[in-house]
Amino acid sequence: MIATLTKGLSRSGLIAALAGGTIALTTAQAGAVSASVRANCAGDYLSYCSQHPVGSKGVRRCMRANGHRLSKRCVRALVSSGEVSKRETSRRSARR
């Protein structure tokens, strides 16, 4: 199958295509944010963390640091998507 796909590509073209696909896949996985989180947390992101790129470690740290300020619908979306556990939200609520 690979031989069929690569028949028309040069060796350097094949390497470039594979490298580009790997980079795109890695980037998509690293910064993946669910549609629900995007929709329900947009206002919170703009209010508290817009200085960080969406899906980055920085925005995750920022949202966690501002967890007590996040809207209930954003927190529900974050729990639903697995970004944060229900246990953690309960623990943080108990500290207030």
Protein backbone atom coordinates (compact mmCIF):
# COMPACT_ATOMS: atom_id res chain seq x y z
CA MET A 1 0.00 0.00 0.00
CA ILE A 2 2.76 2.45 0.91
CA ALA A 3 4.56 1.58 -2.31
CA THR A 4 1.43 2.52 -4.25
CA LEU A 5 1.10 5.81 -2.38
CA THR A 6 4.75 6.70 -2.77
CA LYS A 7 5.10 5.73 -6.40
CA GLY A 8 4.67 9.31 -7.64
CA LEU A 9 6.57 10.99 -4.80
CA SER A 10 10.28 11.57 -4.59
CA ARG A 11 12.09 10.42 -1.46
CA SER A 12 12.43 13.99 -0.13
CA GLY A 13 8.79 14.69 -0.97
CA LEU A 14 7.71 11.63 0.98
CA ILE A 15 9.83 12.61 3.99
CA ALA A 16 8.42 16.14 3.92
CA ALA A 17 4.85 14.82 3.70
CA LEU A 18 5.37 12.42 6.62
CA ALA A 19 7.04 15.09 8.74
CA GLY A 20 4.27 17.59 8.02
CA GLY A 21 1.59 15.05 8.91
CA THR A 22 3.33 14.15 12.15
CA ILE A 23 3.67 17.80 13.17
CA ALA A 24 0.02 18.51 12.34
CA LEU A 25 -1.18 15.48 14.30
CA THR A 26 0.98 16.31 17.32
CA THR A 27 -0.16 19.94 17.33
CA ALA A 28 -3.81 18.98 17.03
CA GLN A 29 -3.57 16.51 19.91
CA ALA A 30 -1.59 18.83 22.19
CA GLY A 31 -3.97 21.74 21.80
CA ALA A 32 -7.24 19.88 21.42
CA VAL A 33 -10.10 21.61 23.18
CA SER A 34 -13.62 20.24 22.90
CA ALA A 35 -16.33 22.23 21.13
CA SER A 36 -18.28 22.31 24.40
CA VAL A 37 -15.36 23.85 26.28
CA ARG A 38 -14.84 26.40 23.51
CA ALA A 39 -18.51 27.38 23.54
CA ASN A 40 -19.02 27.42 27.31
CA CYS A 41 -15.70 28.90 28.38
CA ALA A 42 -15.16 31.58 25.71
CA GLY A 43 -16.21 34.43 28.02
CA ASP A 44 -14.09 33.13 30.90
CA TYR A 45 -11.11 32.70 28.59
CA LEU A 46 -11.48 36.27 27.28
CA SER A 47 -11.90 37.65 30.80
CA TYR A 48 -9.00 35.87 32.47
CA CYS A 49 -6.64 34.04 30.13
CA SER A 50 -6.67 35.49 26.62
CA GLN A 51 -2.95 36.28 26.85
CA HIS A 52 -2.33 32.53 26.37
CA PRO A 53 -2.93 30.55 23.15
CA VAL A 54 -6.04 28.34 23.20
CA GLY A 55 -5.18 24.79 24.20
CA SER A 56 -1.74 25.68 25.57
CA LYS A 57 -0.28 24.69 28.92
CA GLY A 58 -0.34 28.37 29.84
CA VAL A 59 -4.08 28.70 29.32
CA ARG A 60 -4.69 25.52 31.30
CA ARG A 61 -2.62 26.87 34.20
CA CYS A 62 -4.39 30.23 33.99
CA MET A 63 -7.88 28.69 33.94
CA ARG A 64 -6.94 26.48 36.90
CA ALA A 65 -5.62 29.51 38.83
CA ASN A 66 -8.89 31.35 38.11
CA GLY A 67 -11.07 28.31 38.76
CA HIS A 68 -12.96 30.03 41.56
CA ARG A 69 -13.99 32.78 39.10
CA LEU A 70 -15.09 30.55 36.21
CA SER A 71 -18.76 30.35 35.29
CA LYS A 72 -20.68 27.24 36.33
CA ARG A 73 -21.33 26.32 32.70
CA CYS A 74 -17.61 26.52 31.92
CA VAL A 75 -16.75 24.33 34.92
CA ARG A 76 -19.39 21.79 33.84
CA ALA A 77 -17.91 21.71 30.32
CA LEU A 78 -14.38 21.29 31.70
CA VAL A 79 -15.52 18.40 33.90
CA SER A 80 -17.46 16.81 31.04
CA SER A 81 -14.44 17.00 28.71
CA GLY A 82 -12.07 15.56 31.31
CA GLU A 83 -9.99 18.73 31.63
CA VAL A 84 -10.74 18.80 35.36
CA SER A 85 -12.22 16.20 37.69
CA LYS A 86 -15.51 16.51 39.55
CA ARG A 87 -13.55 15.61 42.68
CA GLU A 88 -11.26 18.63 42.21
CA THR A 89 -14.19 21.02 41.71
CA SER A 90 -15.83 19.66 44.88
CA ARG A 91 -12.59 20.03 46.82
CA ARG A 92 -12.12 23.60 45.65
CA SER A 93 -15.75 24.50 46.44
CA ALA A 94 -15.32 23.17 49.98
CA ARG A 95 -12.35 25.51 50.53
CA ARG A 96 -14.42 28.65 49.92
